[in-house]
Amino acid sequence: MKKPHISSGGVIYRILPKNKIEVLLIHQRISHKWHLPKGTYEGKESLEETALRETEEEKDVVEMAEKAIKEKI
């Protein structure tokens, strides 16, 4: 029997002026699907720790991209 795949993640969002909300979605190139930031649970940490680690990693990438864009403007 195939071992189940367990993922854990979270929702990264920000509230913009006029109460508009942006939500971070990740695009997978191979499957062409969009999903919330998540990662594979490997048993070395709790599901909560996995979710925090994965969302933090994605947040850091977004912040680096925003900084690079602002520097070019």
C-alpha atoms as a PDB file:
ATOM      1  CA  MET A   1       0.000   0.000   0.000  1.00  0.00           C
ATOM      2  CA  LYS A   2       1.276   3.463  -0.899  1.00  0.00           C
ATOM      3  CA  LYS A   3       2.275   5.687   2.026  1.00  0.00           C
ATOM      4  CA  PRO A   4      -0.047   8.724   2.343  1.00  0.00           C
ATOM      5  CA  HIS A   5       1.380  12.123   1.414  1.00  0.00           C
ATOM      6  CA  ILE A   6       0.862  14.637   4.225  1.00  0.00           C
ATOM      7  CA  SER A   7       1.292  18.360   3.620  1.00  0.00           C
ATOM      8  CA  SER A   8       0.981  21.289   5.961  1.00  0.00           C
ATOM      9  CA  GLY A   9       0.756  24.973   5.125  1.00  0.00           C
ATOM     10  CA  GLY A  10      -0.987  28.233   5.714  1.00  0.00           C
ATOM     11  CA  VAL A  11      -2.595  31.284   4.200  1.00  0.00           C
ATOM     12  CA  ILE A  12      -0.424  34.348   3.629  1.00  0.00           C
ATOM     13  CA  TYR A  13      -2.432  37.486   2.991  1.00  0.00           C
ATOM     14  CA  ARG A  14      -2.322  41.232   3.323  1.00  0.00           C
ATOM     15  CA  ILE A  15      -5.013  43.844   3.591  1.00  0.00           C
ATOM     16  CA  LEU A  16      -4.719  46.699   1.108  1.00  0.00           C
ATOM     17  CA  PRO A  17      -6.415  50.094   1.076  1.00  0.00           C
ATOM     18  CA  LYS A  18     -10.200  50.004   0.749  1.00  0.00           C
ATOM     19  CA  ASN A  19     -10.167  46.632   2.580  1.00  0.00           C
ATOM     20  CA  LYS A  20      -9.028  44.674  -0.463  1.00  0.00           C
ATOM     21  CA  ILE A  21      -7.226  41.448   0.371  1.00  0.00           C
ATOM     22  CA  GLU A  22      -4.349  39.816  -1.517  1.00  0.00           C
ATOM     23  CA  VAL A  23      -3.704  36.110  -0.953  1.00  0.00           C
ATOM     24  CA  LEU A  24      -0.425  34.418  -1.890  1.00  0.00           C
ATOM     25  CA  LEU A  25      -0.873  31.487  -4.262  1.00  0.00           C
ATOM     26  CA  ILE A  26       1.949  29.320  -5.574  1.00  0.00           C
ATOM     27  CA  HIS A  27       1.976  28.131  -9.192  1.00  0.00           C
ATOM     28  CA  GLN A  28       3.367  24.684  -9.938  1.00  0.00           C
ATOM     29  CA  ARG A  29       5.009  24.672 -13.348  1.00  0.00           C
ATOM     30  CA  ILE A  30       4.639  20.956 -13.985  1.00  0.00           C
ATOM     31  CA  SER A  31       0.971  20.527 -13.066  1.00  0.00           C
ATOM     32  CA  HIS A  32      -0.044  24.123 -13.926  1.00  0.00           C
ATOM     33  CA  LYS A  33      -2.046  24.247 -10.693  1.00  0.00           C
ATOM     34  CA  TRP A  34      -2.261  27.036  -8.129  1.00  0.00           C
ATOM     35  CA  HIS A  35      -2.190  26.267  -4.404  1.00  0.00           C
ATOM     36  CA  LEU A  36      -1.624  27.795  -1.002  1.00  0.00           C
ATOM     37  CA  PRO A  37       1.923  27.693   0.413  1.00  0.00           C
ATOM     38  CA  LYS A  38       2.538  24.251   1.849  1.00  0.00           C
ATOM     39  CA  GLY A  39       5.205  21.645   2.211  1.00  0.00           C
ATOM     40  CA  THR A  40       5.677  17.991   2.932  1.00  0.00           C
ATOM     41  CA  TYR A  41       5.477  16.784   6.500  1.00  0.00           C
ATOM     42  CA  GLU A  42       8.497  14.576   7.078  1.00  0.00           C
ATOM     43  CA  GLY A  43       7.834  13.452  10.650  1.00  0.00           C
ATOM     44  CA  LYS A  44      10.755  15.382  12.157  1.00  0.00           C
ATOM     45  CA  GLU A  45       8.530  18.241  13.290  1.00  0.00           C
ATOM     46  CA  SER A  46       4.875  18.752  14.153  1.00  0.00           C
ATOM     47  CA  LEU A  47       2.344  19.647  11.475  1.00  0.00           C
ATOM     48  CA  GLU A  48       2.158  23.127  13.005  1.00  0.00           C
ATOM     49  CA  GLU A  49       5.954  23.530  12.768  1.00  0.00           C
ATOM     50  CA  THR A  50       5.877  22.344   9.154  1.00  0.00           C
ATOM     51  CA  ALA A  51       3.171  24.904   8.320  1.00  0.00           C
ATOM     52  CA  LEU A  52       5.090  27.732   9.980  1.00  0.00           C
ATOM     53  CA  ARG A  53       8.349  26.805   8.249  1.00  0.00           C
ATOM     54  CA  GLU A  54       6.752  26.524   4.829  1.00  0.00           C
ATOM     55  CA  THR A  55       4.761  29.762   5.035  1.00  0.00           C
ATOM     56  CA  GLU A  56       7.824  31.614   6.360  1.00  0.00           C
ATOM     57  CA  GLU A  57       9.899  30.369   3.417  1.00  0.00           C
ATOM     58  CA  GLU A  58       7.297  31.574   0.919  1.00  0.00           C
ATOM     59  CA  LYS A  59       6.899  34.912   2.700  1.00  0.00           C
ATOM     60  CA  ASP A  60      10.654  35.487   2.482  1.00  0.00           C
ATOM     61  CA  VAL A  61      10.599  34.847  -1.274  1.00  0.00           C
ATOM     62  CA  VAL A  62       7.754  37.326  -1.741  1.00  0.00           C
ATOM     63  CA  GLU A  63       9.557  39.979   0.313  1.00  0.00           C
ATOM     64  CA  MET A  64      12.756  39.526  -1.729  1.00  0.00           C
ATOM     65  CA  ALA A  65      10.792  39.850  -4.988  1.00  0.00           C
ATOM     66  CA  GLU A  66       8.996  42.987  -3.785  1.00  0.00           C
ATOM     67  CA  LYS A  67      12.318  44.533  -2.753  1.00  0.00           C
ATOM     68  CA  ALA A  68      13.868  43.774  -6.151  1.00  0.00           C
ATOM     69  CA  ILE A  69      10.891  45.293  -7.953  1.00  0.00           C
ATOM     70  CA  LYS A  70      10.999  48.467  -5.834  1.00  0.00           C
ATOM     71  CA  GLU A  71      14.733  48.862  -6.504  1.00  0.00           C
ATOM     72  CA  LYS A  72      14.106  48.773 -10.262  1.00  0.00           C
ATOM     73  CA  ILE A  73      11.351  51.413 -10.118  1.00  0.00           C
END
